[in-house]
Amino acid sequence: MDDLRQFISSASAGDHHLPKLPPRACGLLKLKVSVVATLASKKEPIGEIVRLVPGTIIHFAKSCDEMLELEVGDARLAIGEAVNVDDKYGLRITTMQLPNK
């Protein structure tokens, strides 16, 4: 876990001189990937989905106080809490975890 934090810290600090990566692999750090913060999710029958109209409220089992998940690609990378950043949503990461291989 400390290796992951060090890697992310050096990459975000603009340190492209990472000794653990082969020279050609450093270019991979410039690739853009989808980053998703999941508020809540649930499965509903299609019959319920087609009845959705503007103003419909969808109830989730997750409490407003529960942590959000941060996913990169299809892997959960971190857990954190929602924060307000200049009237926009942000995510304060509280826990990092390596994706399952």
Protein backbone atom coordinates (compact mmCIF):
# COMPACT_ATOMS: atom_id res chain seq x y z
CA MET A 1 0.00 0.00 0.00
CA ASP A 2 2.86 2.41 0.77
CA ASP A 3 4.28 1.73 -2.71
CA LEU A 4 0.93 2.71 -4.25
CA ARG A 5 0.78 5.93 -2.23
CA GLN A 6 4.37 6.80 -3.14
CA PHE A 7 3.70 6.09 -6.82
CA ILE A 8 0.54 8.20 -6.87
CA SER A 9 2.20 10.98 -4.89
CA SER A 10 5.21 11.18 -7.21
CA ALA A 11 3.05 10.94 -10.33
CA SER A 12 0.69 13.70 -9.15
CA ALA A 13 3.63 15.90 -8.17
CA GLY A 14 4.75 15.82 -11.80
CA ASP A 15 7.73 13.59 -11.07
CA HIS A 16 8.00 11.67 -14.32
CA HIS A 17 11.35 10.27 -13.27
CA LEU A 18 10.03 7.07 -11.72
CA PRO A 19 12.81 4.51 -11.34
CA LYS A 20 10.45 1.53 -10.98
CA LEU A 21 8.99 2.02 -14.47
CA PRO A 22 10.74 1.28 -17.76
CA PRO A 23 11.28 4.47 -19.81
CA ARG A 24 8.52 3.63 -22.31
CA ALA A 25 6.04 2.97 -19.50
CA CYS A 26 6.31 6.54 -18.19
CA GLY A 27 4.15 7.65 -21.12
CA LEU A 28 1.32 5.54 -19.68
CA LEU A 29 1.02 8.06 -16.84
CA LYS A 30 -0.38 10.55 -19.38
CA LEU A 31 -3.28 8.29 -20.40
CA LYS A 32 -6.71 9.47 -19.31
CA VAL A 33 -9.03 6.95 -17.69
CA SER A 34 -12.58 7.23 -16.37
CA VAL A 35 -12.77 8.08 -12.68
CA VAL A 36 -16.18 7.57 -11.07
CA ALA A 37 -17.37 8.45 -7.57
CA THR A 38 -20.40 6.29 -6.85
CA LEU A 39 -23.03 7.83 -4.59
CA ALA A 40 -25.28 4.76 -4.51
CA SER A 41 -26.52 2.04 -6.80
CA LYS A 42 -29.35 -0.44 -7.02
CA LYS A 43 -31.04 -2.73 -9.50
CA GLU A 44 -34.59 -2.09 -10.61
CA PRO A 45 -36.88 -3.99 -12.99
CA ILE A 46 -37.06 -2.44 -16.45
CA GLY A 47 -40.79 -1.96 -15.84
CA GLU A 48 -39.94 0.52 -13.06
CA ILE A 49 -37.27 2.30 -15.13
CA VAL A 50 -39.64 3.02 -18.02
CA ARG A 51 -42.05 4.69 -15.57
CA LEU A 52 -39.46 7.31 -14.55
CA VAL A 53 -40.48 10.91 -15.25
CA PRO A 54 -38.98 14.27 -14.27
CA GLY A 55 -39.52 14.75 -10.54
CA THR A 56 -39.42 11.03 -9.70
CA ILE A 57 -37.45 10.31 -6.53
CA ILE A 58 -35.46 7.07 -6.45
CA HIS A 59 -34.79 5.74 -2.95
CA PHE A 60 -31.51 4.00 -2.18
CA ALA A 61 -30.64 1.84 0.83
CA LYS A 62 -27.39 3.76 1.40
CA SER A 63 -27.37 6.40 4.14
CA CYS A 64 -26.32 9.99 3.39
CA ASP A 65 -23.52 9.58 5.95
CA GLU A 66 -21.92 6.55 4.26
CA MET A 67 -18.68 6.80 2.32
CA LEU A 68 -18.52 7.04 -1.46
CA GLU A 69 -16.49 4.68 -3.63
CA LEU A 70 -13.95 5.87 -6.17
CA GLU A 71 -13.59 3.59 -9.19
CA VAL A 72 -10.96 3.79 -11.90
CA GLY A 73 -11.98 1.68 -14.85
CA ASP A 74 -13.80 -1.26 -13.29
CA ALA A 75 -11.70 -1.36 -10.12
CA ARG A 76 -12.47 0.26 -6.76
CA LEU A 77 -9.38 2.25 -5.83
CA ALA A 78 -10.47 4.34 -2.85
CA ILE A 79 -13.22 5.26 -0.42
CA GLY A 80 -13.96 8.80 0.70
CA GLU A 81 -16.46 11.40 1.73
CA ALA A 82 -18.30 14.00 -0.33
CA VAL A 83 -17.05 17.56 0.11
CA ASN A 84 -18.04 20.95 -1.27
CA VAL A 85 -15.34 22.56 -3.43
CA ASP A 86 -16.34 25.99 -4.79
CA ASP A 87 -20.03 24.97 -5.03
CA LYS A 88 -19.11 21.74 -6.80
CA TYR A 89 -18.82 18.18 -5.52
CA GLY A 90 -15.46 16.75 -4.55
CA LEU A 91 -14.25 13.57 -2.90
CA ARG A 92 -11.92 13.56 0.09
CA ILE A 93 -10.16 10.20 -0.04
CA THR A 94 -9.96 8.50 3.34
CA THR A 95 -8.87 4.98 2.38
CA MET A 96 -6.88 3.62 -0.58
CA GLN A 97 -6.91 -0.02 -1.63
CA LEU A 98 -5.17 -1.99 -4.33
CA PRO A 99 -7.52 -3.50 -6.89
CA ASN A 100 -7.83 -7.29 -6.94
CA LYS A 101 -5.54 -8.77 -9.55
